[in-house]
Amino acid sequence: MLDLVGFLFYDFAATALEDKRSCLNDRMGKQLFGQNITINDDVYHPLQQGAPFDGEGLPRQRVLLVDRGIPGNLVYSRAAAKAGRKQPTGHGFALPNEFGEAPVNLVFDGGDSSIEKMVTSTKRGLLVTRLWYIREVDPYQKVMTGMTRDGLFLVENGRVTGAVRNFRFNQSLIEMLKNVDLLGSAVRATGEEAFEMVVPAMKVRDFHFSEVTKF
């Protein structure tokens, strides 16, 4: 899950919206994700370990990016803040750079479920251990493609019944975060495709697996 949702981080940059490179263009302040999705950028969270200042030397602020599914705030470097008549939030990169700023200490709110509860509540589904080779297909709809690996298991009538071949997926992250039925406890995690963040396991309905892979 970390390696998927980590691709959202730059979409919350004020520079990205100004350049029309964000999936949040024309969507700020609207119900975009499910009401169980809340995201902060919070370097001071006890499970985060980032530097308390940004590349421009400013102290990082805690920013509520998504409140119960509604994206409401962005992060700002000094230049982006001046252009937008805002205050910088301490998320700028060291100069010179072409990206401006980004939240790099993302924290997703978790829930009270567990992977075991997710499995037992599933009539038929897949238990995904790991995703990799994730690439962006459509930046505005935030459609990602990638593959499963290192263990993919069939769940039937609340039980893991066996292993299955790996799949490729084509999935909009916006749609995925509308379809989260259960959330586990948020934990600090690391992966290959995204930086470290605090994120829960998720049970997602109607995830778009497109074809079986060759390994």
N, C-alpha and C. Protein backbone atom coordinates (compact mmCIF):
# COMPACT_ATOMS: atom_id res chain seq x y z
N MET A 1 0.83 -1.21 0.00
CA MET A 1 0.00 0.00 0.00
C MET A 1 0.86 1.25 0.00
N LEU A 2 1.95 1.20 0.77
CA LEU A 2 2.88 2.33 0.78
C LEU A 2 3.34 2.70 -0.62
N ASP A 3 3.74 1.70 -1.40
CA ASP A 3 4.30 1.98 -2.71
C ASP A 3 3.27 2.52 -3.69
N LEU A 4 1.98 2.29 -3.43
CA LEU A 4 0.94 2.89 -4.26
C LEU A 4 0.64 4.32 -3.83
N VAL A 5 0.21 4.50 -2.59
CA VAL A 5 -0.25 5.82 -2.17
C VAL A 5 0.89 6.83 -2.08
N GLY A 6 2.13 6.34 -2.01
CA GLY A 6 3.26 7.25 -2.01
C GLY A 6 3.37 8.09 -3.26
N PHE A 7 2.76 7.62 -4.35
CA PHE A 7 2.80 8.38 -5.60
C PHE A 7 1.95 9.64 -5.55
N LEU A 8 1.17 9.82 -4.51
CA LEU A 8 0.33 11.01 -4.39
C LEU A 8 1.09 12.22 -3.86
N PHE A 9 2.30 12.03 -3.33
CA PHE A 9 2.90 13.09 -2.52
C PHE A 9 3.06 14.40 -3.29
N TYR A 10 3.53 14.37 -4.53
CA TYR A 10 3.80 15.62 -5.23
C TYR A 10 2.52 16.33 -5.67
N ASP A 11 1.41 15.62 -5.71
CA ASP A 11 0.15 16.24 -6.10
C ASP A 11 -0.30 17.31 -5.11
N PHE A 12 0.23 17.28 -3.89
CA PHE A 12 -0.15 18.27 -2.89
C PHE A 12 0.78 19.48 -2.88
N ALA A 13 1.67 19.59 -3.85
CA ALA A 13 2.57 20.74 -3.95
C ALA A 13 1.87 21.89 -4.66
N ALA A 14 1.99 23.09 -4.12
CA ALA A 14 1.39 24.25 -4.76
C ALA A 14 1.95 24.47 -6.17
N THR A 15 3.23 24.20 -6.35
CA THR A 15 3.84 24.34 -7.67
C THR A 15 3.22 23.38 -8.67
N ALA A 16 2.92 22.16 -8.24
CA ALA A 16 2.31 21.17 -9.13
C ALA A 16 0.94 21.62 -9.60
N LEU A 17 0.14 22.19 -8.69
CA LEU A 17 -1.17 22.70 -9.10
C LEU A 17 -1.03 23.89 -10.03
N GLU A 18 -0.11 24.77 -9.74
CA GLU A 18 0.09 25.94 -10.59
C GLU A 18 0.51 25.53 -11.99
N ASP A 19 1.32 24.48 -12.09
CA ASP A 19 1.79 23.98 -13.39
C ASP A 19 0.82 23.02 -14.05
N LYS A 20 -0.33 22.75 -13.41
CA LYS A 20 -1.35 21.83 -13.94
C LYS A 20 -0.79 20.41 -14.06
N ARG A 21 0.02 20.02 -13.07
CA ARG A 21 0.61 18.68 -13.07
C ARG A 21 0.06 17.82 -11.94
N SER A 22 -0.98 18.26 -11.29
CA SER A 22 -1.51 17.56 -10.12
C SER A 22 -2.87 16.95 -10.42
N CYS A 23 -3.12 15.79 -9.83
CA CYS A 23 -4.45 15.18 -9.96
C CYS A 23 -5.48 15.94 -9.13
N LEU A 24 -5.03 16.92 -8.33
CA LEU A 24 -5.95 17.72 -7.52
C LEU A 24 -6.41 19.00 -8.20
N ASN A 25 -5.92 19.27 -9.39
CA ASN A 25 -6.39 20.45 -10.12
C ASN A 25 -7.91 20.38 -10.30
N ASP A 26 -8.60 21.44 -9.91
CA ASP A 26 -10.06 21.55 -9.98
C ASP A 26 -10.77 20.58 -9.03
N ARG A 27 -10.04 20.00 -8.08
CA ARG A 27 -10.67 19.04 -7.16
C ARG A 27 -10.47 19.42 -5.70
N MET A 28 -9.75 20.49 -5.43
CA MET A 28 -9.55 20.90 -4.05
C MET A 28 -10.89 21.28 -3.41
N GLY A 29 -11.08 20.89 -2.17
CA GLY A 29 -12.30 21.22 -1.44
C GLY A 29 -13.50 20.36 -1.80
N LYS A 30 -13.29 19.33 -2.61
CA LYS A 30 -14.39 18.45 -3.01
C LYS A 30 -14.19 17.06 -2.42
N GLN A 31 -15.29 16.32 -2.27
CA GLN A 31 -15.21 14.96 -1.75
C GLN A 31 -14.58 14.07 -2.82
N LEU A 32 -13.28 13.82 -2.67
CA LEU A 32 -12.54 13.10 -3.69
C LEU A 32 -12.30 11.64 -3.31
N PHE A 33 -11.98 11.40 -2.03
CA PHE A 33 -11.73 10.05 -1.53
C PHE A 33 -12.85 9.65 -0.57
N GLY A 34 -12.76 8.45 -0.05
CA GLY A 34 -13.73 8.01 0.94
C GLY A 34 -13.60 8.81 2.23
N GLN A 35 -14.67 8.85 3.02
CA GLN A 35 -14.68 9.62 4.25
C GLN A 35 -13.76 9.03 5.31
N ASN A 36 -13.26 7.81 5.09
CA ASN A 36 -12.32 7.21 6.04
C ASN A 36 -10.86 7.52 5.71
N ILE A 37 -10.62 8.40 4.73
CA ILE A 37 -9.26 8.75 4.32
C ILE A 37 -8.90 10.14 4.83
N THR A 38 -7.96 10.19 5.75
CA THR A 38 -7.40 11.45 6.26
C THR A 38 -5.89 11.37 6.18
N ILE A 39 -5.28 12.40 5.60
CA ILE A 39 -3.83 12.41 5.38
C ILE A 39 -3.25 13.71 5.91
N ASN A 40 -2.20 13.58 6.71
CA ASN A 40 -1.44 14.73 7.17
C ASN A 40 -0.01 14.63 6.66
N ASP A 41 0.65 15.78 6.54
CA ASP A 41 2.10 15.77 6.45
C ASP A 41 2.59 16.23 7.81
N ASP A 42 3.26 15.33 8.54
CA ASP A 42 3.55 15.61 9.94
C ASP A 42 4.89 15.02 10.33
N VAL A 43 5.93 15.83 10.23
CA VAL A 43 7.26 15.37 10.61
C VAL A 43 7.35 15.12 12.12
N TYR A 44 6.42 15.67 12.89
CA TYR A 44 6.46 15.55 14.35
C TYR A 44 5.67 14.34 14.86
N HIS A 45 5.06 13.59 13.96
CA HIS A 45 4.37 12.36 14.35
C HIS A 45 5.39 11.40 14.98
N PRO A 46 5.01 10.69 16.04
CA PRO A 46 5.98 9.83 16.73
C PRO A 46 6.58 8.72 15.86
N LEU A 47 5.91 8.36 14.77
CA LEU A 47 6.46 7.32 13.89
C LEU A 47 7.24 7.89 12.72
N GLN A 48 7.30 9.21 12.62
CA GLN A 48 8.09 9.81 11.54
C GLN A 48 9.49 10.16 12.05
N GLN A 49 10.43 10.26 11.12
CA GLN A 49 11.82 10.48 11.51
C GLN A 49 12.51 11.52 10.62
N GLY A 50 11.74 12.37 9.95
CA GLY A 50 12.31 13.34 9.04
C GLY A 50 12.95 14.52 9.76
N ALA A 51 13.69 15.32 9.01
CA ALA A 51 14.29 16.54 9.56
C ALA A 51 13.19 17.56 9.85
N PRO A 52 13.30 18.33 10.93
CA PRO A 52 12.25 19.30 11.28
C PRO A 52 12.33 20.60 10.50
N PHE A 53 13.20 20.67 9.50
CA PHE A 53 13.30 21.85 8.66
C PHE A 53 13.44 21.41 7.21
N ASP A 54 13.12 22.30 6.27
CA ASP A 54 13.14 21.93 4.86
C ASP A 54 14.45 22.34 4.20
N GLY A 55 14.51 22.16 2.87
CA GLY A 55 15.72 22.48 2.13
C GLY A 55 16.03 23.96 2.06
N GLU A 56 15.06 24.80 2.40
CA GLU A 56 15.27 26.24 2.44
C GLU A 56 15.57 26.74 3.86
N GLY A 57 15.66 25.81 4.81
CA GLY A 57 15.98 26.18 6.18
C GLY A 57 14.81 26.58 7.03
N LEU A 58 13.58 26.42 6.54
CA LEU A 58 12.40 26.80 7.30
C LEU A 58 11.88 25.63 8.12
N PRO A 59 11.32 25.89 9.29
CA PRO A 59 10.73 24.80 10.09
C PRO A 59 9.52 24.21 9.37
N ARG A 60 9.43 22.88 9.40
CA ARG A 60 8.29 22.21 8.77
C ARG A 60 7.04 22.37 9.63
N GLN A 61 5.92 22.63 8.98
CA GLN A 61 4.64 22.71 9.66
C GLN A 61 3.85 21.42 9.44
N ARG A 62 3.02 21.10 10.40
CA ARG A 62 2.07 20.00 10.22
C ARG A 62 0.94 20.53 9.36
N VAL A 63 0.63 19.83 8.26
CA VAL A 63 -0.40 20.28 7.32
C VAL A 63 -1.42 19.16 7.13
N LEU A 64 -2.68 19.48 7.37
CA LEU A 64 -3.77 18.56 7.10
C LEU A 64 -4.08 18.63 5.61
N LEU A 65 -3.66 17.61 4.88
CA LEU A 65 -3.81 17.61 3.43
C LEU A 65 -5.20 17.15 3.00
N VAL A 66 -5.67 16.06 3.62
CA VAL A 66 -6.99 15.49 3.29
C VAL A 66 -7.74 15.26 4.58
N ASP A 67 -8.93 15.81 4.68
CA ASP A 67 -9.77 15.67 5.87
C ASP A 67 -11.01 14.89 5.50
N ARG A 68 -11.06 13.64 5.94
CA ARG A 68 -12.21 12.74 5.69
C ARG A 68 -12.59 12.72 4.21
N GLY A 69 -11.55 12.57 3.38
CA GLY A 69 -11.75 12.41 1.95
C GLY A 69 -11.72 13.68 1.13
N ILE A 70 -11.61 14.83 1.79
CA ILE A 70 -11.64 16.12 1.09
C ILE A 70 -10.26 16.76 1.12
N PRO A 71 -9.60 16.91 -0.03
CA PRO A 71 -8.31 17.62 -0.03
C PRO A 71 -8.54 19.11 0.20
N GLY A 72 -7.87 19.65 1.23
CA GLY A 72 -8.15 21.03 1.59
C GLY A 72 -6.94 21.95 1.63
N ASN A 73 -5.75 21.38 1.74
CA ASN A 73 -4.56 22.21 1.90
C ASN A 73 -3.41 21.69 1.04
N LEU A 74 -2.51 22.62 0.70
CA LEU A 74 -1.31 22.31 -0.06
C LEU A 74 -0.09 22.68 0.78
N VAL A 75 1.08 22.31 0.29
CA VAL A 75 2.32 22.75 0.93
C VAL A 75 3.00 23.76 0.01
N TYR A 76 3.79 24.68 0.63
CA TYR A 76 4.36 25.81 -0.11
C TYR A 76 5.84 25.99 0.22
N SER A 77 6.62 26.17 -0.82
CA SER A 77 7.98 26.69 -0.67
C SER A 77 7.89 28.21 -0.54
N ARG A 78 9.02 28.87 -0.38
CA ARG A 78 9.01 30.33 -0.30
C ARG A 78 8.48 30.95 -1.59
N ALA A 79 8.97 30.46 -2.73
CA ALA A 79 8.57 31.05 -4.02
C ALA A 79 7.09 30.80 -4.29
N ALA A 80 6.63 29.56 -4.03
CA ALA A 80 5.22 29.24 -4.27
C ALA A 80 4.32 30.05 -3.34
N ALA A 81 4.76 30.24 -2.10
CA ALA A 81 3.98 31.03 -1.16
C ALA A 81 3.88 32.49 -1.60
N LYS A 82 4.98 33.04 -2.07
CA LYS A 82 4.96 34.43 -2.54
C LYS A 82 4.04 34.57 -3.74
N ALA A 83 4.12 33.60 -4.68
CA ALA A 83 3.27 33.67 -5.86
C ALA A 83 1.79 33.53 -5.52
N GLY A 84 1.49 32.69 -4.52
CA GLY A 84 0.10 32.45 -4.15
C GLY A 84 -0.40 33.29 -3.00
N ARG A 85 0.44 34.23 -2.54
CA ARG A 85 0.10 35.09 -1.42
C ARG A 85 -0.29 34.28 -0.19
N LYS A 86 0.54 33.26 0.07
CA LYS A 86 0.38 32.40 1.23
C LYS A 86 1.64 32.46 2.08
N GLN A 87 1.61 31.76 3.18
CA GLN A 87 2.79 31.62 4.01
C GLN A 87 3.49 30.30 3.67
N PRO A 88 4.82 30.27 3.59
CA PRO A 88 5.52 29.01 3.34
C PRO A 88 5.27 28.02 4.47
N THR A 89 5.19 26.75 4.14
CA THR A 89 4.87 25.72 5.13
C THR A 89 6.08 24.90 5.55
N GLY A 90 7.27 25.23 5.01
CA GLY A 90 8.44 24.46 5.37
C GLY A 90 8.57 23.16 4.62
N HIS A 91 8.20 23.18 3.32
CA HIS A 91 8.26 21.97 2.50
C HIS A 91 9.06 22.18 1.21
N GLY A 92 9.86 23.23 1.16
CA GLY A 92 10.65 23.51 -0.04
C GLY A 92 11.87 22.63 -0.13
N PHE A 93 12.29 22.37 -1.37
CA PHE A 93 13.54 21.65 -1.62
C PHE A 93 14.69 22.65 -1.71
N ALA A 94 15.90 22.13 -1.50
CA ALA A 94 17.07 22.99 -1.62
C ALA A 94 17.16 23.55 -3.04
N LEU A 95 17.52 24.80 -3.15
CA LEU A 95 17.63 25.47 -4.45
C LEU A 95 19.01 25.22 -5.05
N PRO A 96 19.12 25.18 -6.40
CA PRO A 96 18.01 25.28 -7.36
C PRO A 96 17.33 23.94 -7.55
N ASN A 97 16.05 23.97 -7.88
CA ASN A 97 15.31 22.76 -8.22
C ASN A 97 14.11 23.15 -9.07
N GLU A 98 13.57 22.19 -9.80
CA GLU A 98 12.44 22.45 -10.69
C GLU A 98 11.11 22.03 -10.08
N PHE A 99 11.14 21.46 -8.87
CA PHE A 99 9.93 20.88 -8.30
C PHE A 99 9.25 21.78 -7.27
N GLY A 100 10.01 22.66 -6.67
CA GLY A 100 9.41 23.58 -5.71
C GLY A 100 9.34 23.02 -4.31
N GLU A 101 8.34 22.18 -4.07
CA GLU A 101 8.10 21.69 -2.72
C GLU A 101 7.29 20.39 -2.80
N ALA A 102 7.21 19.69 -1.68
CA ALA A 102 6.37 18.49 -1.59
C ALA A 102 6.30 18.04 -0.15
N PRO A 103 5.21 17.41 0.24
CA PRO A 103 5.14 16.81 1.58
C PRO A 103 5.87 15.47 1.57
N VAL A 104 6.84 15.30 2.43
CA VAL A 104 7.65 14.07 2.42
C VAL A 104 7.59 13.34 3.75
N ASN A 105 6.63 13.72 4.60
CA ASN A 105 6.42 13.01 5.87
C ASN A 105 4.94 12.67 6.02
N LEU A 106 4.42 11.94 5.03
CA LEU A 106 3.00 11.65 4.97
C LEU A 106 2.58 10.68 6.07
N VAL A 107 1.41 10.96 6.65
CA VAL A 107 0.83 10.12 7.69
C VAL A 107 -0.64 9.91 7.35
N PHE A 108 -1.02 8.66 7.06
CA PHE A 108 -2.41 8.29 6.85
C PHE A 108 -3.01 7.88 8.20
N ASP A 109 -4.21 8.34 8.48
CA ASP A 109 -4.92 7.83 9.65
C ASP A 109 -5.25 6.36 9.43
N GLY A 110 -5.11 5.58 10.47
CA GLY A 110 -5.45 4.16 10.39
C GLY A 110 -6.85 3.88 10.91
N GLY A 111 -7.14 2.61 11.03
CA GLY A 111 -8.43 2.17 11.54
C GLY A 111 -8.26 1.11 12.60
N ASP A 112 -9.35 0.40 12.91
CA ASP A 112 -9.32 -0.59 13.99
C ASP A 112 -9.38 -2.01 13.47
N SER A 113 -9.13 -2.19 12.17
CA SER A 113 -9.17 -3.54 11.61
C SER A 113 -7.77 -4.15 11.66
N SER A 114 -7.65 -5.34 11.11
CA SER A 114 -6.37 -6.05 11.00
C SER A 114 -6.43 -6.86 9.71
N ILE A 115 -5.27 -7.35 9.28
CA ILE A 115 -5.26 -8.17 8.07
C ILE A 115 -6.11 -9.42 8.28
N GLU A 116 -6.06 -9.97 9.48
CA GLU A 116 -6.87 -11.17 9.76
C GLU A 116 -8.36 -10.87 9.62
N LYS A 117 -8.80 -9.71 10.13
CA LYS A 117 -10.21 -9.33 9.99
C LYS A 117 -10.56 -9.06 8.54
N MET A 118 -9.63 -8.47 7.79
CA MET A 118 -9.87 -8.22 6.38
C MET A 118 -10.08 -9.53 5.63
N VAL A 119 -9.27 -10.53 5.96
CA VAL A 119 -9.39 -11.83 5.30
C VAL A 119 -10.70 -12.50 5.67
N THR A 120 -11.02 -12.55 6.95
CA THR A 120 -12.22 -13.27 7.37
C THR A 120 -13.50 -12.60 6.88
N SER A 121 -13.44 -11.31 6.57
CA SER A 121 -14.64 -10.60 6.08
C SER A 121 -14.75 -10.64 4.55
N THR A 122 -13.88 -11.36 3.88
CA THR A 122 -13.84 -11.36 2.42
C THR A 122 -14.37 -12.68 1.88
N LYS A 123 -15.38 -12.59 1.02
CA LYS A 123 -15.92 -13.79 0.39
C LYS A 123 -15.00 -14.31 -0.69
N ARG A 124 -14.51 -13.42 -1.51
CA ARG A 124 -13.55 -13.81 -2.55
C ARG A 124 -12.68 -12.60 -2.88
N GLY A 125 -11.38 -12.77 -2.80
CA GLY A 125 -10.47 -11.66 -3.06
C GLY A 125 -9.04 -12.13 -3.13
N LEU A 126 -8.13 -11.18 -3.14
CA LEU A 126 -6.70 -11.47 -3.19
C LEU A 126 -5.99 -10.77 -2.04
N LEU A 127 -5.12 -11.50 -1.38
CA LEU A 127 -4.25 -10.94 -0.35
C LEU A 127 -2.91 -10.62 -1.00
N VAL A 128 -2.61 -9.33 -1.10
CA VAL A 128 -1.42 -8.85 -1.80
C VAL A 128 -0.30 -8.62 -0.78
N THR A 129 0.83 -9.25 -1.02
CA THR A 129 1.99 -9.08 -0.15
C THR A 129 2.82 -7.88 -0.57
N ARG A 130 3.00 -7.71 -1.88
CA ARG A 130 3.90 -6.66 -2.34
C ARG A 130 3.55 -6.28 -3.77
N LEU A 131 3.72 -4.98 -4.09
CA LEU A 131 3.59 -4.48 -5.46
C LEU A 131 4.92 -3.89 -5.88
N TRP A 132 5.21 -3.96 -7.18
CA TRP A 132 6.47 -3.38 -7.65
C TRP A 132 6.32 -2.94 -9.10
N TYR A 133 7.37 -2.32 -9.62
CA TYR A 133 7.43 -1.82 -11.00
C TYR A 133 6.22 -0.94 -11.29
N ILE A 134 5.93 -0.03 -10.37
CA ILE A 134 4.76 0.82 -10.48
C ILE A 134 5.10 2.06 -11.29
N ARG A 135 4.26 2.35 -12.28
CA ARG A 135 4.47 3.51 -13.15
C ARG A 135 3.14 4.23 -13.35
N GLU A 136 3.25 5.53 -13.62
CA GLU A 136 2.06 6.36 -13.82
C GLU A 136 1.60 6.28 -15.26
N VAL A 137 0.30 6.04 -15.47
CA VAL A 137 -0.30 5.95 -16.80
C VAL A 137 -1.03 7.24 -17.15
N ASP A 138 -1.83 7.74 -16.22
CA ASP A 138 -2.64 8.95 -16.44
C ASP A 138 -2.46 9.85 -15.22
N PRO A 139 -1.69 10.95 -15.33
CA PRO A 139 -1.41 11.78 -14.16
C PRO A 139 -2.65 12.43 -13.55
N TYR A 140 -3.62 12.83 -14.38
CA TYR A 140 -4.76 13.56 -13.84
C TYR A 140 -5.72 12.62 -13.11
N GLN A 141 -5.97 11.45 -13.67
CA GLN A 141 -6.81 10.47 -12.98
C GLN A 141 -6.00 9.62 -12.00
N LYS A 142 -4.70 9.81 -12.02
CA LYS A 142 -3.76 9.09 -11.15
C LYS A 142 -3.89 7.58 -11.34
N VAL A 143 -3.92 7.16 -12.61
CA VAL A 143 -3.95 5.74 -12.94
C VAL A 143 -2.52 5.21 -12.91
N MET A 144 -2.32 4.17 -12.13
CA MET A 144 -1.01 3.55 -12.00
C MET A 144 -1.08 2.12 -12.55
N THR A 145 0.05 1.65 -13.07
CA THR A 145 0.16 0.25 -13.45
C THR A 145 1.36 -0.35 -12.74
N GLY A 146 1.31 -1.64 -12.52
CA GLY A 146 2.39 -2.34 -11.83
C GLY A 146 2.04 -3.80 -11.69
N MET A 147 2.82 -4.52 -10.89
CA MET A 147 2.62 -5.96 -10.75
C MET A 147 2.75 -6.38 -9.28
N THR A 148 2.15 -7.52 -8.98
CA THR A 148 2.33 -8.13 -7.68
C THR A 148 3.58 -9.00 -7.70
N ARG A 149 4.12 -9.29 -6.51
CA ARG A 149 5.25 -10.21 -6.42
C ARG A 149 5.40 -10.67 -4.96
N ASP A 150 6.23 -11.68 -4.78
CA ASP A 150 6.61 -12.17 -3.45
C ASP A 150 5.41 -12.65 -2.63
N GLY A 151 4.47 -13.29 -3.29
CA GLY A 151 3.35 -13.88 -2.57
C GLY A 151 2.03 -13.20 -2.84
N LEU A 152 1.17 -13.86 -3.62
CA LEU A 152 -0.18 -13.40 -3.90
C LEU A 152 -1.11 -14.56 -3.59
N PHE A 153 -2.12 -14.34 -2.76
CA PHE A 153 -2.90 -15.45 -2.22
C PHE A 153 -4.40 -15.25 -2.45
N LEU A 154 -5.06 -16.34 -2.77
CA LEU A 154 -6.51 -16.33 -2.99
C LEU A 154 -7.22 -16.46 -1.65
N VAL A 155 -8.21 -15.59 -1.46
CA VAL A 155 -9.06 -15.64 -0.27
C VAL A 155 -10.45 -16.06 -0.69
N GLU A 156 -10.96 -17.10 -0.07
CA GLU A 156 -12.32 -17.60 -0.37
C GLU A 156 -13.04 -17.87 0.94
N ASN A 157 -14.24 -17.29 1.06
CA ASN A 157 -15.09 -17.51 2.23
C ASN A 157 -14.33 -17.29 3.54
N GLY A 158 -13.55 -16.19 3.56
CA GLY A 158 -12.88 -15.79 4.78
C GLY A 158 -11.61 -16.53 5.12
N ARG A 159 -11.07 -17.31 4.17
CA ARG A 159 -9.86 -18.08 4.44
C ARG A 159 -8.90 -17.96 3.26
N VAL A 160 -7.60 -17.97 3.55
CA VAL A 160 -6.60 -18.06 2.49
C VAL A 160 -6.55 -19.51 2.04
N THR A 161 -6.86 -19.74 0.76
CA THR A 161 -6.97 -21.11 0.27
C THR A 161 -5.80 -21.55 -0.61
N GLY A 162 -4.93 -20.62 -0.99
CA GLY A 162 -3.79 -21.03 -1.79
C GLY A 162 -3.14 -19.84 -2.48
N ALA A 163 -1.99 -20.12 -3.08
CA ALA A 163 -1.27 -19.10 -3.83
C ALA A 163 -1.78 -19.05 -5.27
N VAL A 164 -1.64 -17.88 -5.90
CA VAL A 164 -2.03 -17.72 -7.30
C VAL A 164 -0.92 -17.03 -8.06
N ARG A 165 -1.01 -17.09 -9.39
CA ARG A 165 -0.03 -16.41 -10.24
C ARG A 165 -0.11 -14.91 -10.04
N ASN A 166 0.99 -14.22 -10.30
CA ASN A 166 1.03 -12.77 -10.16
C ASN A 166 0.20 -12.08 -11.23
N PHE A 167 -0.28 -10.89 -10.90
CA PHE A 167 -1.12 -10.10 -11.78
C PHE A 167 -0.50 -8.73 -12.05
N ARG A 168 -0.81 -8.18 -13.23
CA ARG A 168 -0.61 -6.76 -13.50
C ARG A 168 -1.90 -6.04 -13.15
N PHE A 169 -1.76 -4.78 -12.71
CA PHE A 169 -2.94 -3.98 -12.40
C PHE A 169 -2.87 -2.66 -13.14
N ASN A 170 -4.04 -2.07 -13.39
CA ASN A 170 -4.19 -0.70 -13.88
C ASN A 170 -5.27 -0.06 -13.01
N GLN A 171 -4.86 0.83 -12.14
CA GLN A 171 -5.77 1.30 -11.10
C GLN A 171 -5.59 2.78 -10.84
N SER A 172 -6.72 3.50 -10.81
CA SER A 172 -6.72 4.90 -10.39
C SER A 172 -6.62 4.96 -8.87
N LEU A 173 -5.65 5.73 -8.36
CA LEU A 173 -5.54 5.88 -6.92
C LEU A 173 -6.72 6.66 -6.35
N ILE A 174 -7.27 7.57 -7.15
CA ILE A 174 -8.46 8.31 -6.69
C ILE A 174 -9.61 7.34 -6.48
N GLU A 175 -9.84 6.48 -7.45
CA GLU A 175 -10.91 5.50 -7.32
C GLU A 175 -10.63 4.53 -6.19
N MET A 176 -9.38 4.09 -6.07
CA MET A 176 -9.02 3.14 -5.02
C MET A 176 -9.32 3.70 -3.64
N LEU A 177 -8.97 4.97 -3.42
CA LEU A 177 -9.18 5.56 -2.10
C LEU A 177 -10.64 5.95 -1.86
N LYS A 178 -11.49 5.78 -2.85
CA LYS A 178 -12.94 5.86 -2.64
C LYS A 178 -13.51 4.52 -2.19
N ASN A 179 -12.75 3.44 -2.44
CA ASN A 179 -13.27 2.09 -2.27
C ASN A 179 -12.60 1.33 -1.13
N VAL A 180 -12.11 2.04 -0.13
CA VAL A 180 -11.47 1.40 1.01
C VAL A 180 -12.54 1.03 2.04
N ASP A 181 -12.72 -0.28 2.26
CA ASP A 181 -13.73 -0.75 3.20
C ASP A 181 -13.20 -0.84 4.63
N LEU A 182 -11.94 -1.24 4.78
CA LEU A 182 -11.35 -1.41 6.11
C LEU A 182 -9.94 -0.86 6.13
N LEU A 183 -9.54 -0.33 7.29
CA LEU A 183 -8.20 0.18 7.51
C LEU A 183 -7.59 -0.50 8.72
N GLY A 184 -6.34 -0.90 8.60
CA GLY A 184 -5.61 -1.43 9.74
C GLY A 184 -4.95 -0.31 10.52
N SER A 185 -4.15 -0.67 11.49
CA SER A 185 -3.39 0.32 12.25
C SER A 185 -2.32 0.94 11.36
N ALA A 186 -2.12 2.24 11.48
CA ALA A 186 -1.09 2.91 10.69
C ALA A 186 0.28 2.61 11.28
N VAL A 187 1.21 2.20 10.44
CA VAL A 187 2.57 1.86 10.88
C VAL A 187 3.57 2.54 9.96
N ARG A 188 4.75 2.74 10.46
CA ARG A 188 5.82 3.28 9.62
C ARG A 188 6.29 2.17 8.69
N ALA A 189 6.36 2.48 7.41
CA ALA A 189 6.71 1.46 6.41
C ALA A 189 7.68 2.04 5.40
N THR A 190 8.42 1.17 4.76
CA THR A 190 9.34 1.57 3.70
C THR A 190 9.19 0.60 2.55
N GLY A 191 9.53 1.05 1.35
CA GLY A 191 9.41 0.20 0.18
C GLY A 191 10.38 0.62 -0.89
N GLU A 192 10.14 0.16 -2.11
CA GLU A 192 11.02 0.46 -3.24
C GLU A 192 10.56 1.67 -4.04
N GLU A 193 9.26 1.88 -4.12
CA GLU A 193 8.71 2.87 -5.04
C GLU A 193 8.42 4.21 -4.37
N ALA A 194 8.45 4.27 -3.04
CA ALA A 194 8.10 5.50 -2.34
C ALA A 194 9.00 5.65 -1.11
N PHE A 195 9.05 6.85 -0.59
CA PHE A 195 9.81 7.11 0.62
C PHE A 195 9.04 6.60 1.84
N GLU A 196 9.71 6.56 2.99
CA GLU A 196 9.07 6.08 4.20
C GLU A 196 7.88 6.95 4.58
N MET A 197 6.81 6.30 5.03
CA MET A 197 5.64 7.03 5.47
C MET A 197 4.87 6.18 6.46
N VAL A 198 3.86 6.77 7.08
CA VAL A 198 3.02 6.05 8.04
C VAL A 198 1.70 5.74 7.33
N VAL A 199 1.41 4.46 7.18
CA VAL A 199 0.27 4.05 6.35
C VAL A 199 -0.30 2.74 6.88
N PRO A 200 -1.62 2.55 6.78
CA PRO A 200 -2.22 1.29 7.23
C PRO A 200 -2.39 0.30 6.07
N ALA A 201 -2.56 -0.95 6.42
CA ALA A 201 -3.07 -1.92 5.45
C ALA A 201 -4.51 -1.54 5.12
N MET A 202 -4.94 -1.86 3.90
CA MET A 202 -6.28 -1.49 3.47
C MET A 202 -6.97 -2.66 2.77
N LYS A 203 -8.26 -2.79 3.01
CA LYS A 203 -9.09 -3.70 2.23
C LYS A 203 -9.84 -2.86 1.20
N VAL A 204 -9.58 -3.12 -0.08
CA VAL A 204 -10.11 -2.31 -1.18
C VAL A 204 -11.00 -3.18 -2.06
N ARG A 205 -12.17 -2.68 -2.38
CA ARG A 205 -13.05 -3.42 -3.29
C ARG A 205 -12.84 -2.94 -4.73
N ASP A 206 -13.11 -3.83 -5.67
CA ASP A 206 -13.11 -3.51 -7.11
C ASP A 206 -11.77 -3.00 -7.60
N PHE A 207 -10.69 -3.55 -7.07
CA PHE A 207 -9.36 -3.19 -7.55
C PHE A 207 -9.16 -3.80 -8.94
N HIS A 208 -8.55 -3.05 -9.86
CA HIS A 208 -8.50 -3.46 -11.27
C HIS A 208 -7.22 -4.23 -11.61
N PHE A 209 -7.27 -5.54 -11.40
CA PHE A 209 -6.23 -6.41 -11.92
C PHE A 209 -6.57 -6.71 -13.37
N SER A 210 -5.58 -6.57 -14.26
CA SER A 210 -5.89 -6.62 -15.70
C SER A 210 -5.46 -7.91 -16.39
N GLU A 211 -4.35 -8.53 -15.95
CA GLU A 211 -3.90 -9.75 -16.63
C GLU A 211 -2.89 -10.48 -15.74
N VAL A 212 -2.73 -11.76 -16.03
CA VAL A 212 -1.74 -12.56 -15.34
C VAL A 212 -0.36 -12.26 -15.93
N THR A 213 0.65 -12.17 -15.08
CA THR A 213 2.02 -11.94 -15.57
C THR A 213 2.68 -13.28 -15.86
N LYS A 214 3.91 -13.22 -16.36
CA LYS A 214 4.61 -14.42 -16.81
C LYS A 214 5.56 -14.99 -15.74
N PHE A 215 5.48 -14.51 -14.53
CA PHE A 215 6.34 -15.05 -13.49
C PHE A 215 5.52 -15.34 -12.23
